Amino acid sequence: MRPVFTWYRERAREPAGRTGAVTVVVSYRFSSVVDADRFLVMHRGEPVESGGHDGLMALGGRYAKLYAVQADAYTGLLVGDAQGRPERAPLGPTAPGRSKHVLQ
């Protein structure tokens, strides 16, 4: 079974190429839409970040922190580095169990 986003993306590309239409998907589950062409991150009703998944993760901003918090809820393997950017935790008996991200 293919993820829902993949199904929508495949069907949206043809009319978008023909007419210039844009498809907007609102999702609270990051893993479902990680392959989107562009993300627009909103905070308090204002756009604060825009770009693709890799670029936004490298930026280490709001998207990266939210992505890490959500991934951590599923895996328990992500923690923040000294600047709050997500990174993989070391495996083993002393590995931290949960992310320490706090969003302001």
C-alpha atoms as a PDB file:
ATOM      1  CA  MET A   1       0.000   0.000   0.000  1.00  0.00           C
ATOM      2  CA  ARG A   2       1.395   3.405  -1.011  1.00  0.00           C
ATOM      3  CA  PRO A   3       1.268   6.364   1.377  1.00  0.00           C
ATOM      4  CA  VAL A   4      -1.603   8.758   0.746  1.00  0.00           C
ATOM      5  CA  PHE A   5       0.750  11.649  -0.021  1.00  0.00           C
ATOM      6  CA  THR A   6       2.470   9.642  -2.767  1.00  0.00           C
ATOM      7  CA  TRP A   7      -0.906   8.922  -4.357  1.00  0.00           C
ATOM      8  CA  TYR A   8      -1.905  12.622  -4.276  1.00  0.00           C
ATOM      9  CA  ARG A   9       1.478  13.792  -5.548  1.00  0.00           C
ATOM     10  CA  GLU A  10       1.324  11.482  -8.557  1.00  0.00           C
ATOM     11  CA  ARG A  11      -2.144  12.721  -9.484  1.00  0.00           C
ATOM     12  CA  ALA A  12      -1.351  16.415  -8.926  1.00  0.00           C
ATOM     13  CA  ARG A  13       1.772  16.666 -11.092  1.00  0.00           C
ATOM     14  CA  GLU A  14       0.070  16.243 -14.478  1.00  0.00           C
ATOM     15  CA  PRO A  15      -2.530  19.016 -14.052  1.00  0.00           C
ATOM     16  CA  ALA A  16       0.090  21.211 -12.368  1.00  0.00           C
ATOM     17  CA  GLY A  17       2.354  20.909 -15.399  1.00  0.00           C
ATOM     18  CA  ARG A  18      -0.522  21.634 -17.743  1.00  0.00           C
ATOM     19  CA  THR A  19      -2.224  24.490 -15.878  1.00  0.00           C
ATOM     20  CA  GLY A  20       0.243  25.748 -13.264  1.00  0.00           C
ATOM     21  CA  ALA A  21      -2.053  24.583 -10.459  1.00  0.00           C
ATOM     22  CA  VAL A  22      -0.623  24.167  -6.983  1.00  0.00           C
ATOM     23  CA  THR A  23      -1.675  21.437  -4.571  1.00  0.00           C
ATOM     24  CA  VAL A  24      -1.603  22.270  -0.871  1.00  0.00           C
ATOM     25  CA  VAL A  25      -1.479  19.446   1.661  1.00  0.00           C
ATOM     26  CA  VAL A  26      -1.875  20.189   5.352  1.00  0.00           C
ATOM     27  CA  SER A  27      -0.376  17.482   7.512  1.00  0.00           C
ATOM     28  CA  TYR A  28       0.569  17.068  11.127  1.00  0.00           C
ATOM     29  CA  ARG A  29       2.498  13.871  10.379  1.00  0.00           C
ATOM     30  CA  PHE A  30       5.861  14.821   8.912  1.00  0.00           C
ATOM     31  CA  SER A  31       6.834  11.330   7.784  1.00  0.00           C
ATOM     32  CA  SER A  32       3.794  11.231   5.488  1.00  0.00           C
ATOM     33  CA  VAL A  33       4.864  14.284   3.489  1.00  0.00           C
ATOM     34  CA  VAL A  34       8.673  14.274   3.706  1.00  0.00           C
ATOM     35  CA  ASP A  35       8.916  13.989  -0.108  1.00  0.00           C
ATOM     36  CA  ALA A  36       6.935  17.166  -0.776  1.00  0.00           C
ATOM     37  CA  ASP A  37       8.539  19.632  -3.185  1.00  0.00           C
ATOM     38  CA  ARG A  38       8.254  22.529  -0.732  1.00  0.00           C
ATOM     39  CA  PHE A  39       7.228  23.081   2.852  1.00  0.00           C
ATOM     40  CA  LEU A  40       5.851  26.299   4.277  1.00  0.00           C
ATOM     41  CA  VAL A  41       6.281  26.401   8.048  1.00  0.00           C
ATOM     42  CA  MET A  42       3.776  28.610   9.834  1.00  0.00           C
ATOM     43  CA  HIS A  43       4.056  29.997  13.352  1.00  0.00           C
ATOM     44  CA  ARG A  44       1.276  32.062  14.919  1.00  0.00           C
ATOM     45  CA  GLY A  45      -0.288  32.564  11.513  1.00  0.00           C
ATOM     46  CA  GLU A  46       2.881  33.778   9.808  1.00  0.00           C
ATOM     47  CA  PRO A  47       5.233  31.933   7.424  1.00  0.00           C
ATOM     48  CA  VAL A  48       8.606  31.484   9.146  1.00  0.00           C
ATOM     49  CA  GLU A  49      10.442  28.951   6.944  1.00  0.00           C
ATOM     50  CA  SER A  50      10.136  27.623   3.418  1.00  0.00           C
ATOM     51  CA  GLY A  51      12.005  24.975   1.463  1.00  0.00           C
ATOM     52  CA  GLY A  52      12.544  21.286   0.929  1.00  0.00           C
ATOM     53  CA  HIS A  53      13.008  18.730   3.702  1.00  0.00           C
ATOM     54  CA  ASP A  54      16.814  18.502   3.437  1.00  0.00           C
ATOM     55  CA  GLY A  55      17.308  22.262   3.365  1.00  0.00           C
ATOM     56  CA  LEU A  56      15.006  22.849   6.313  1.00  0.00           C
ATOM     57  CA  MET A  57      16.707  20.111   8.323  1.00  0.00           C
ATOM     58  CA  ALA A  58      20.116  21.682   7.586  1.00  0.00           C
ATOM     59  CA  LEU A  59      18.764  25.074   8.670  1.00  0.00           C
ATOM     60  CA  GLY A  60      18.068  23.635  12.117  1.00  0.00           C
ATOM     61  CA  GLY A  61      15.046  25.874  12.660  1.00  0.00           C
ATOM     62  CA  ARG A  62      11.450  25.269  13.615  1.00  0.00           C
ATOM     63  CA  TYR A  63      10.809  22.564  10.980  1.00  0.00           C
ATOM     64  CA  ALA A  64      13.887  20.583  12.030  1.00  0.00           C
ATOM     65  CA  LYS A  65      12.964  20.778  15.705  1.00  0.00           C
ATOM     66  CA  LEU A  66       9.361  19.743  15.104  1.00  0.00           C
ATOM     67  CA  TYR A  67      10.473  16.914  12.812  1.00  0.00           C
ATOM     68  CA  ALA A  68      12.918  15.673  15.453  1.00  0.00           C
ATOM     69  CA  VAL A  69      10.330  15.810  18.228  1.00  0.00           C
ATOM     70  CA  GLN A  70       7.863  13.826  16.148  1.00  0.00           C
ATOM     71  CA  ALA A  71      10.448  11.284  14.978  1.00  0.00           C
ATOM     72  CA  ASP A  72      11.594  10.864  18.559  1.00  0.00           C
ATOM     73  CA  ALA A  73       8.073   9.965  19.618  1.00  0.00           C
ATOM     74  CA  TYR A  74       8.256   6.993  17.218  1.00  0.00           C
ATOM     75  CA  THR A  75      11.905   5.964  17.631  1.00  0.00           C
ATOM     76  CA  GLY A  76      13.287   7.496  20.807  1.00  0.00           C
ATOM     77  CA  LEU A  77      16.623   7.907  18.991  1.00  0.00           C
ATOM     78  CA  LEU A  78      16.863  11.645  18.308  1.00  0.00           C
ATOM     79  CA  VAL A  79      18.382  14.240  20.604  1.00  0.00           C
ATOM     80  CA  GLY A  80      19.502  17.813  20.050  1.00  0.00           C
ATOM     81  CA  ASP A  81      23.099  18.928  19.723  1.00  0.00           C
ATOM     82  CA  ALA A  82      24.426  22.000  21.552  1.00  0.00           C
ATOM     83  CA  GLN A  83      22.638  24.335  19.090  1.00  0.00           C
ATOM     84  CA  GLY A  84      19.343  22.407  19.292  1.00  0.00           C
ATOM     85  CA  ARG A  85      19.761  20.773  15.883  1.00  0.00           C
ATOM     86  CA  PRO A  86      18.533  17.178  15.724  1.00  0.00           C
ATOM     87  CA  GLU A  87      21.132  14.436  15.687  1.00  0.00           C
ATOM     88  CA  ARG A  88      21.144  10.679  16.239  1.00  0.00           C
ATOM     89  CA  ALA A  89      21.743   9.573  19.799  1.00  0.00           C
ATOM     90  CA  PRO A  90      24.413   6.966  20.486  1.00  0.00           C
ATOM     91  CA  LEU A  91      23.015   3.487  20.945  1.00  0.00           C
ATOM     92  CA  GLY A  92      23.675   1.577  24.108  1.00  0.00           C
ATOM     93  CA  PRO A  93      22.667   1.422  27.763  1.00  0.00           C
ATOM     94  CA  THR A  94      23.610   5.058  28.442  1.00  0.00           C
ATOM     95  CA  ALA A  95      21.804   6.517  25.410  1.00  0.00           C
ATOM     96  CA  PRO A  96      19.256   9.191  26.278  1.00  0.00           C
ATOM     97  CA  GLY A  97      15.684   8.040  25.946  1.00  0.00           C
ATOM     98  CA  ARG A  98      13.950  11.164  24.696  1.00  0.00           C
ATOM     99  CA  SER A  99      14.564  14.401  22.841  1.00  0.00           C
ATOM    100  CA  LYS A 100      15.236  17.564  24.843  1.00  0.00           C
ATOM    101  CA  HIS A 101      13.770  19.957  22.248  1.00  0.00           C
ATOM    102  CA  VAL A 102      11.659  22.801  23.575  1.00  0.00           C
ATOM    103  CA  LEU A 103       9.889  25.105  21.147  1.00  0.00           C
ATOM    104  CA  GLN A 104       9.285  28.708  22.106  1.00  0.00           C
END
